[in-house]
């Protein structure tokens, strides 16, 4: 029926084709509206994710930097006091803080390209 010339269709067949066409238009409009709603939802989710990540970044970076800085001071003092075993343990704390800071930097770097 689709390959036929529309002039060769009966009135009933032409009405069926027009009805099907109207239904396809309605379905297309509903799909377009659903895609638009989903796009808005995705954009909101990305904004929320970016906001949460920025908050976590601020909240975690400060204490980590304090831990790293304080561990550096402690390590120097312990070395001066020749408490090398303790200084070595404090260096482990510093290294762990730096590793966490690197993870935080990686997470922040990974999110930047998709935020624009």
Protein backbone atom coordinates (compact mmCIF):
# COMPACT_ATOMS: atom_id res chain seq x y z
CA UNK A 1 0.00 0.00 0.00
CA UNK A 2 2.87 2.43 0.72
CA UNK A 3 4.50 1.92 -2.67
CA UNK A 4 1.25 2.70 -4.44
CA UNK A 5 0.53 6.04 -6.02
CA UNK A 6 -1.73 8.01 -3.59
CA UNK A 7 -4.08 8.73 -6.48
CA UNK A 8 -4.70 4.98 -6.76
CA UNK A 9 -5.71 4.60 -3.11
CA UNK A 10 -9.32 4.21 -2.21
CA UNK A 11 -10.90 6.87 -0.05
CA UNK A 12 -10.84 4.45 2.88
CA UNK A 13 -7.13 3.62 2.38
CA UNK A 14 -6.22 7.29 2.05
CA UNK A 15 -8.08 8.08 5.27
CA UNK A 16 -6.19 5.26 7.03
CA UNK A 17 -2.85 6.60 5.79
CA UNK A 18 -3.70 10.15 6.89
CA UNK A 19 -4.85 8.86 10.27
CA UNK A 20 -1.63 6.88 10.70
CA UNK A 21 0.37 9.95 9.67
CA UNK A 22 -1.41 12.09 12.30
CA UNK A 23 -0.71 9.45 14.92
CA UNK A 24 2.98 9.40 13.94
CA UNK A 25 3.10 13.20 14.26
CA UNK A 26 1.55 12.97 17.77
CA UNK A 27 4.01 10.24 18.77
CA UNK A 28 6.91 12.30 17.42
CA UNK A 29 5.76 15.35 19.41
CA UNK A 30 5.49 13.27 22.61
CA UNK A 31 8.96 11.83 22.01
CA UNK A 32 10.41 15.29 21.39
CA UNK A 33 8.85 16.54 24.64
CA UNK A 34 10.22 13.53 26.53
CA UNK A 35 13.70 14.11 25.10
CA UNK A 36 13.50 17.78 26.11
CA UNK A 37 12.45 16.87 29.69
CA UNK A 38 15.23 14.29 29.93
CA UNK A 39 17.78 16.78 28.64
CA UNK A 40 16.74 19.27 31.31
CA UNK A 41 16.99 16.52 33.96
CA UNK A 42 20.48 15.57 32.78
CA UNK A 43 21.65 19.19 32.83
CA UNK A 44 20.29 19.65 36.37
CA UNK A 45 21.99 16.45 37.51
CA UNK A 46 25.30 17.62 36.03
CA UNK A 47 24.95 20.99 37.76
CA UNK A 48 24.17 19.28 41.07
CA UNK A 49 27.10 16.91 40.65
CA UNK A 50 29.43 19.81 39.91
CA UNK A 51 28.16 21.71 42.94
CA UNK A 52 28.65 18.70 45.21
CA UNK A 53 32.12 18.04 43.82
CA UNK A 54 33.12 21.68 44.30
CA UNK A 55 31.89 21.54 47.90
CA UNK A 56 33.72 18.31 48.61
CA UNK A 57 36.82 19.75 46.98
CA UNK A 58 36.74 22.79 49.28
CA UNK A 59 35.86 20.84 52.41
CA UNK A 60 38.52 18.15 51.92
CA UNK A 61 41.37 20.16 50.41
CA UNK A 62 41.79 22.45 53.44
CA UNK A 63 42.14 19.71 56.06
CA UNK A 64 44.40 17.65 53.76
CA UNK A 65 46.72 20.60 53.25
CA UNK A 66 46.77 21.14 57.02
CA UNK A 67 47.65 17.48 57.62
CA UNK A 68 50.43 17.63 55.04
CA UNK A 69 51.83 20.90 56.39
CA UNK A 70 51.66 19.80 60.01
CA UNK A 71 53.28 16.46 59.19
CA UNK A 72 56.15 18.30 57.47
CA UNK A 73 56.70 20.41 60.60
CA UNK A 74 56.52 17.35 62.86
CA UNK A 75 58.94 15.41 60.66
CA UNK A 76 61.46 18.26 60.82
CA UNK A 77 61.15 18.52 64.61
CA UNK A 78 61.48 14.77 65.03
CA UNK A 79 64.56 14.70 62.81
CA UNK A 80 66.08 17.50 64.89
CA UNK A 81 65.39 15.45 68.03
CA UNK A 82 66.88 12.43 66.26
CA UNK A 83 63.64 10.48 66.62
CA UNK A 84 64.03 8.94 63.20
CA UNK A 85 61.51 6.12 63.65
CA UNK A 86 58.79 8.60 64.55
CA UNK A 87 59.87 10.92 61.75
CA UNK A 88 59.53 8.01 59.31
CA UNK A 89 55.99 7.32 60.59
CA UNK A 90 55.07 10.99 60.18
CA UNK A 91 56.42 10.86 56.62
CA UNK A 92 53.95 8.02 55.96
CA UNK A 93 51.12 10.27 57.18
CA UNK A 94 52.34 13.02 54.87
CA UNK A 95 52.59 10.63 51.91
CA UNK A 96 49.05 9.37 52.55
CA UNK A 97 47.76 12.95 52.66
CA UNK A 98 49.53 13.78 49.42
CA UNK A 99 48.09 10.64 47.79
CA UNK A 100 44.56 11.69 48.82
CA UNK A 101 45.19 15.19 47.54
CA UNK A 102 46.30 13.72 44.20
CA UNK A 103 43.08 11.69 44.00
CA UNK A 104 41.07 14.84 44.71
CA UNK A 105 43.01 16.69 41.99
CA UNK A 106 42.32 13.86 39.53
CA UNK A 107 38.60 13.91 40.31
CA UNK A 108 38.47 17.66 39.88
CA UNK A 109 40.40 17.49 36.61
CA UNK A 110 38.13 14.74 35.26
CA UNK A 111 34.98 16.80 35.87
CA UNK A 112 36.21 20.05 34.30
CA UNK A 113 35.85 19.14 30.59
CA UNK A 114 32.21 18.02 30.95
CA UNK A 115 31.25 21.11 32.97
CA UNK A 116 31.71 23.43 30.01
